[in-house]
C-alpha cells in the first residue's frame, strides 16, 4: 500500500470548495482537486489512510475558551471575554510571520469551528491531524517576498516554485488553483513533519502549528 500524506486547504463552509492534495512518501503528486462536503473530505482521508493530514485552518481555541462568540453565552469559557491569543500564533508573530488571530473578532470564525469539527472526527478515526499554515511554509521555504496568491502574477510565482519543489507535478503545475497549491503545501509540510524537519509552535491544549525548519527543496 502506498504511504501517503494529505493536505486540506479548508474553507469556512461547504458552499465553497476546499483544496485537497495527496503526496506519496517519495513526493509523487498522487492527487490534487477540490471537495465541498465534510463527508467527502472524511471519505477521502479514509480511502487514502495517510500517515498525517495537514489542515490549513486553526484547529483549537485560546486556552480557557469554548467558543468564539463575542457575546459568549455557552457558560463554559473561563475568565474575561476580551481577546486572548493562542500561543502558537504569538510565536508565529515573534518569527515575523503574519496570520489571522483566533479571537472573538476573527473573520474566520466559521472556518475555525469547521476545522475543529473535522479534526475531531478524523482523530476519532485514529488519524494524525496537523495544523499547518501554508503562508508560513512559503515563508520558510522561499523567504519573505511572497506575492499575493490571488493575483495572476502571485499564482504564477507559486506554481513555478511548486513545480521546482515537486517535479512530479509536471504540466499539472500550470493549472493549479491557489487552493490546490496551498493543499499541496499542507501535504508537503505533513511529509516534512514525518521526517523530523519541522518545528511545532504553541501548546497542545490550544492547537499547535507545524512549520518547516529547512531551506528550499526536499531535505537531503
Protein backbone atom coordinates (compact mmCIF):
# COMPACT_ATOMS: atom_id res chain seq x y z
CA UNK A 1 0.00 0.00 0.00
CA UNK A 2 1.33 3.46 -0.93
CA UNK A 3 2.36 5.63 2.03
CA UNK A 4 0.58 8.96 1.67
CA UNK A 5 0.43 12.46 3.14
CA UNK A 6 -2.72 14.51 2.68
CA UNK A 7 -3.32 18.25 2.72
CA UNK A 8 -6.58 20.19 3.01
CA UNK A 9 -6.95 23.93 2.35
CA UNK A 10 -10.19 24.28 4.28
CA UNK A 11 -12.91 26.82 3.58
CA UNK A 12 -15.45 28.19 6.04
CA UNK A 13 -18.38 26.35 4.50
CA UNK A 14 -19.17 23.54 2.04
CA UNK A 15 -20.67 26.27 -0.15
CA UNK A 16 -17.11 26.90 -1.34
CA UNK A 17 -14.86 24.01 -2.31
CA UNK A 18 -11.78 23.16 -0.24
CA UNK A 19 -8.49 22.34 -1.94
CA UNK A 20 -7.15 18.82 -1.39
CA UNK A 21 -3.85 17.19 -2.33
CA UNK A 22 -2.04 13.94 -1.72
CA UNK A 23 1.67 13.09 -1.84
CA UNK A 24 3.49 9.77 -1.62
CA UNK A 25 6.50 9.22 0.64
CA UNK A 26 8.66 9.78 -2.49
CA UNK A 27 6.92 13.16 -3.06
CA UNK A 28 4.99 11.92 -6.06
CA UNK A 29 1.86 14.02 -6.51
CA UNK A 30 -0.93 11.45 -6.32
CA UNK A 31 -3.91 13.79 -6.38
CA UNK A 32 -4.98 17.42 -6.46
CA UNK A 33 -8.53 18.70 -6.60
CA UNK A 34 -11.37 20.18 -4.59
CA UNK A 35 -14.18 18.85 -2.41
CA UNK A 36 -17.11 20.55 -0.73
CA UNK A 37 -18.88 18.36 1.83
CA UNK A 38 -17.27 17.33 5.11
CA UNK A 39 -18.43 13.77 4.40
CA UNK A 40 -16.42 13.79 1.18
CA UNK A 41 -13.32 15.09 2.96
CA UNK A 42 -13.65 12.35 5.57
CA UNK A 43 -14.16 9.76 2.84
CA UNK A 44 -11.02 10.90 1.00
CA UNK A 45 -8.94 10.53 4.15
CA UNK A 46 -10.46 7.14 4.95
CA UNK A 47 -9.63 5.86 1.49
CA UNK A 48 -6.08 7.23 1.46
CA UNK A 49 -5.14 6.13 5.01
CA UNK A 50 -2.45 8.84 5.20
CA UNK A 51 0.39 9.00 7.71
CA UNK A 52 -0.82 12.52 8.53
CA UNK A 53 -3.42 15.04 7.41
CA UNK A 54 -2.29 18.66 7.29
CA UNK A 55 -5.19 21.12 7.57
CA UNK A 56 -4.77 24.80 6.74
CA UNK A 57 -7.03 26.17 9.47
CA UNK A 58 -6.81 26.95 13.20
CA UNK A 59 -7.76 23.72 14.97
CA UNK A 60 -8.05 24.97 18.55
CA UNK A 61 -9.17 27.91 20.67
CA UNK A 62 -7.28 30.11 23.14
CA UNK A 63 -6.79 28.38 26.47
CA UNK A 64 -9.91 28.52 28.62
CA UNK A 65 -12.29 29.31 25.77
CA UNK A 66 -15.05 27.06 24.49
CA UNK A 67 -16.36 29.33 21.72
CA UNK A 68 -15.56 32.46 19.70
CA UNK A 69 -18.85 34.28 20.25
CA UNK A 70 -18.50 37.98 21.04
CA UNK A 71 -21.40 37.73 23.47
CA UNK A 72 -20.47 34.36 24.92
CA UNK A 73 -23.42 32.54 26.42
CA UNK A 74 -22.09 28.99 26.38
CA UNK A 75 -21.22 29.14 30.07
CA UNK A 76 -18.02 27.15 29.51
CA UNK A 77 -15.48 29.90 28.78
CA UNK A 78 -13.05 30.65 31.58
CA UNK A 79 -12.11 34.17 32.57
CA UNK A 80 -12.68 37.54 30.89
CA UNK A 81 -14.19 37.88 27.43
CA UNK A 82 -11.54 40.21 25.98
CA UNK A 83 -9.42 38.81 23.19
CA UNK A 84 -6.74 36.32 24.04
CA UNK A 85 -4.08 34.90 21.75
CA UNK A 86 -3.17 31.30 21.04
CA UNK A 87 0.46 30.76 21.94
CA UNK A 88 1.24 29.26 18.51
CA UNK A 89 0.07 32.49 16.85
CA UNK A 90 2.08 34.61 19.28
CA UNK A 91 5.12 32.51 18.38
CA UNK A 92 4.37 33.00 14.68
CA UNK A 93 4.33 36.76 15.20
CA UNK A 94 7.65 36.55 17.06
CA UNK A 95 9.07 34.93 13.91
CA UNK A 96 7.66 37.83 11.85
CA UNK A 97 5.13 35.58 10.11
CA UNK A 98 1.70 37.30 9.96
CA UNK A 99 -1.54 35.36 10.46
CA UNK A 100 -5.21 35.79 11.32
CA UNK A 101 -5.57 35.76 15.10
CA UNK A 102 -8.04 33.23 16.52
CA UNK A 103 -10.06 35.64 18.64
CA UNK A 104 -13.69 36.61 19.11
CA UNK A 105 -13.18 39.29 16.47
CA UNK A 106 -11.81 36.81 13.96
CA UNK A 107 -13.15 37.00 10.40
CA UNK A 108 -12.58 33.23 10.03
CA UNK A 109 -14.71 32.14 12.99
CA UNK A 110 -16.86 29.72 10.99
CA UNK A 111 -13.81 28.14 9.39
CA UNK A 112 -12.28 27.58 12.82
CA UNK A 113 -15.42 25.81 14.01
CA UNK A 114 -15.44 23.67 10.86
CA UNK A 115 -11.77 22.81 11.22
CA UNK A 116 -12.17 21.78 14.86
CA UNK A 117 -15.11 19.56 13.97
CA UNK A 118 -13.17 17.93 11.12
CA UNK A 119 -10.20 17.38 13.38
CA UNK A 120 -12.44 15.73 15.99
CA UNK A 121 -13.89 13.25 13.50
CA UNK A 122 -10.52 12.42 11.96
CA UNK A 123 -8.79 11.88 15.29
CA UNK A 124 -11.73 9.79 16.46
CA UNK A 125 -10.98 7.53 13.49
CA UNK A 126 -7.33 7.30 14.50
CA UNK A 127 -5.76 9.71 12.00
CA UNK A 128 -2.87 12.04 12.83
CA UNK A 129 -4.04 15.60 12.24
CA UNK A 130 -1.66 18.55 11.97
CA UNK A 131 -2.48 22.24 11.89
CA UNK A 132 -0.37 23.70 9.11
CA UNK A 133 -0.01 27.20 7.71
CA UNK A 134 0.91 27.33 4.01
CA UNK A 135 1.91 31.00 4.18
CA UNK A 136 4.35 30.12 6.95
CA UNK A 137 5.60 27.18 4.88
CA UNK A 138 6.19 29.52 1.92
CA UNK A 139 7.99 31.95 4.21
CA UNK A 140 10.30 29.21 5.50
CA UNK A 141 10.96 27.72 2.05
CA UNK A 142 11.25 30.84 -0.10
CA UNK A 143 11.62 33.91 2.10
CA UNK A 144 9.56 37.00 2.77
CA UNK A 145 8.95 38.22 -0.82
CA UNK A 146 5.70 36.29 -1.37
CA UNK A 147 3.31 37.87 -3.90
CA UNK A 148 -0.45 37.52 -3.24
CA UNK A 149 -1.67 34.15 -4.48
CA UNK A 150 -5.00 35.66 -5.56
CA UNK A 151 -3.31 37.74 -8.28
CA UNK A 152 -2.23 36.17 -11.60
CA UNK A 153 1.44 37.00 -11.03
CA UNK A 154 1.28 35.60 -7.49
CA UNK A 155 -0.32 32.36 -8.62
CA UNK A 156 2.27 32.02 -11.42
CA UNK A 157 5.02 32.54 -8.82
CA UNK A 158 3.54 29.84 -6.60
CA UNK A 159 3.04 27.38 -9.46
CA UNK A 160 6.66 27.85 -10.53
CA UNK A 161 8.02 27.17 -7.07
CA UNK A 162 5.82 24.15 -6.53
CA UNK A 163 6.98 22.75 -9.87
CA UNK A 164 10.56 23.02 -8.60
CA UNK A 165 9.71 21.57 -5.21
CA UNK A 166 7.60 18.70 -6.61
CA UNK A 167 8.93 17.75 -10.07
CA UNK A 168 6.31 15.02 -10.48
CA UNK A 169 3.70 17.76 -10.90
CA UNK A 170 4.87 18.25 -14.47
CA UNK A 171 2.38 20.11 -16.70
CA UNK A 172 -0.26 19.98 -13.93
CA UNK A 173 1.58 22.81 -12.19
CA UNK A 174 0.26 25.24 -14.82
CA UNK A 175 -3.38 24.54 -13.98
CA UNK A 176 -3.25 24.51 -10.16
CA UNK A 177 -5.69 26.79 -8.38
CA UNK A 178 -4.37 28.65 -5.35
CA UNK A 179 -6.50 26.37 -3.13
CA UNK A 180 -4.89 23.26 -4.64
CA UNK A 181 -1.46 24.86 -4.32
CA UNK A 182 -1.99 25.53 -0.61
CA UNK A 183 -3.28 21.97 -0.16
CA UNK A 184 -0.05 20.69 -1.73
CA UNK A 185 1.95 22.81 0.70
CA UNK A 186 -0.14 21.39 3.56
CA UNK A 187 0.62 17.85 2.41
CA UNK A 188 4.31 18.70 1.94
CA UNK A 189 4.52 20.14 5.46
CA UNK A 190 2.99 16.90 6.79
CA UNK A 191 5.64 14.95 4.87
CA UNK A 192 8.39 17.14 6.36
CA UNK A 193 6.95 16.63 9.84
CA UNK A 194 7.09 12.84 9.49
CA UNK A 195 10.78 13.16 8.63
CA UNK A 196 11.58 15.38 11.60
CA UNK A 197 12.11 18.55 9.52
CA UNK A 198 9.59 20.80 11.26
CA UNK A 199 9.17 22.75 14.45
CA UNK A 200 5.93 22.78 16.42
CA UNK A 201 4.69 26.08 17.83
CA UNK A 202 2.33 26.52 20.75
CA UNK A 203 0.76 24.17 23.26
CA UNK A 204 -1.40 21.14 22.61
CA UNK A 205 -4.35 22.48 24.65
CA UNK A 206 -4.84 25.33 22.14
CA UNK A 207 -3.74 23.61 18.94
CA UNK A 208 -0.21 23.72 17.59
CA UNK A 209 1.12 24.91 14.23
CA UNK A 210 3.73 22.88 12.34
CA UNK A 211 6.32 24.81 10.31
CA UNK A 212 9.26 23.65 8.18
CA UNK A 213 12.74 24.33 9.54
CA UNK A 214 14.73 23.76 6.34
CA UNK A 215 15.54 25.79 3.25
CA UNK A 216 14.12 25.43 -0.26
CA UNK A 217 13.85 21.91 -1.63
CA UNK A 218 13.36 18.49 -0.03
CA UNK A 219 15.82 17.66 2.78
CA UNK A 220 18.82 15.63 1.69
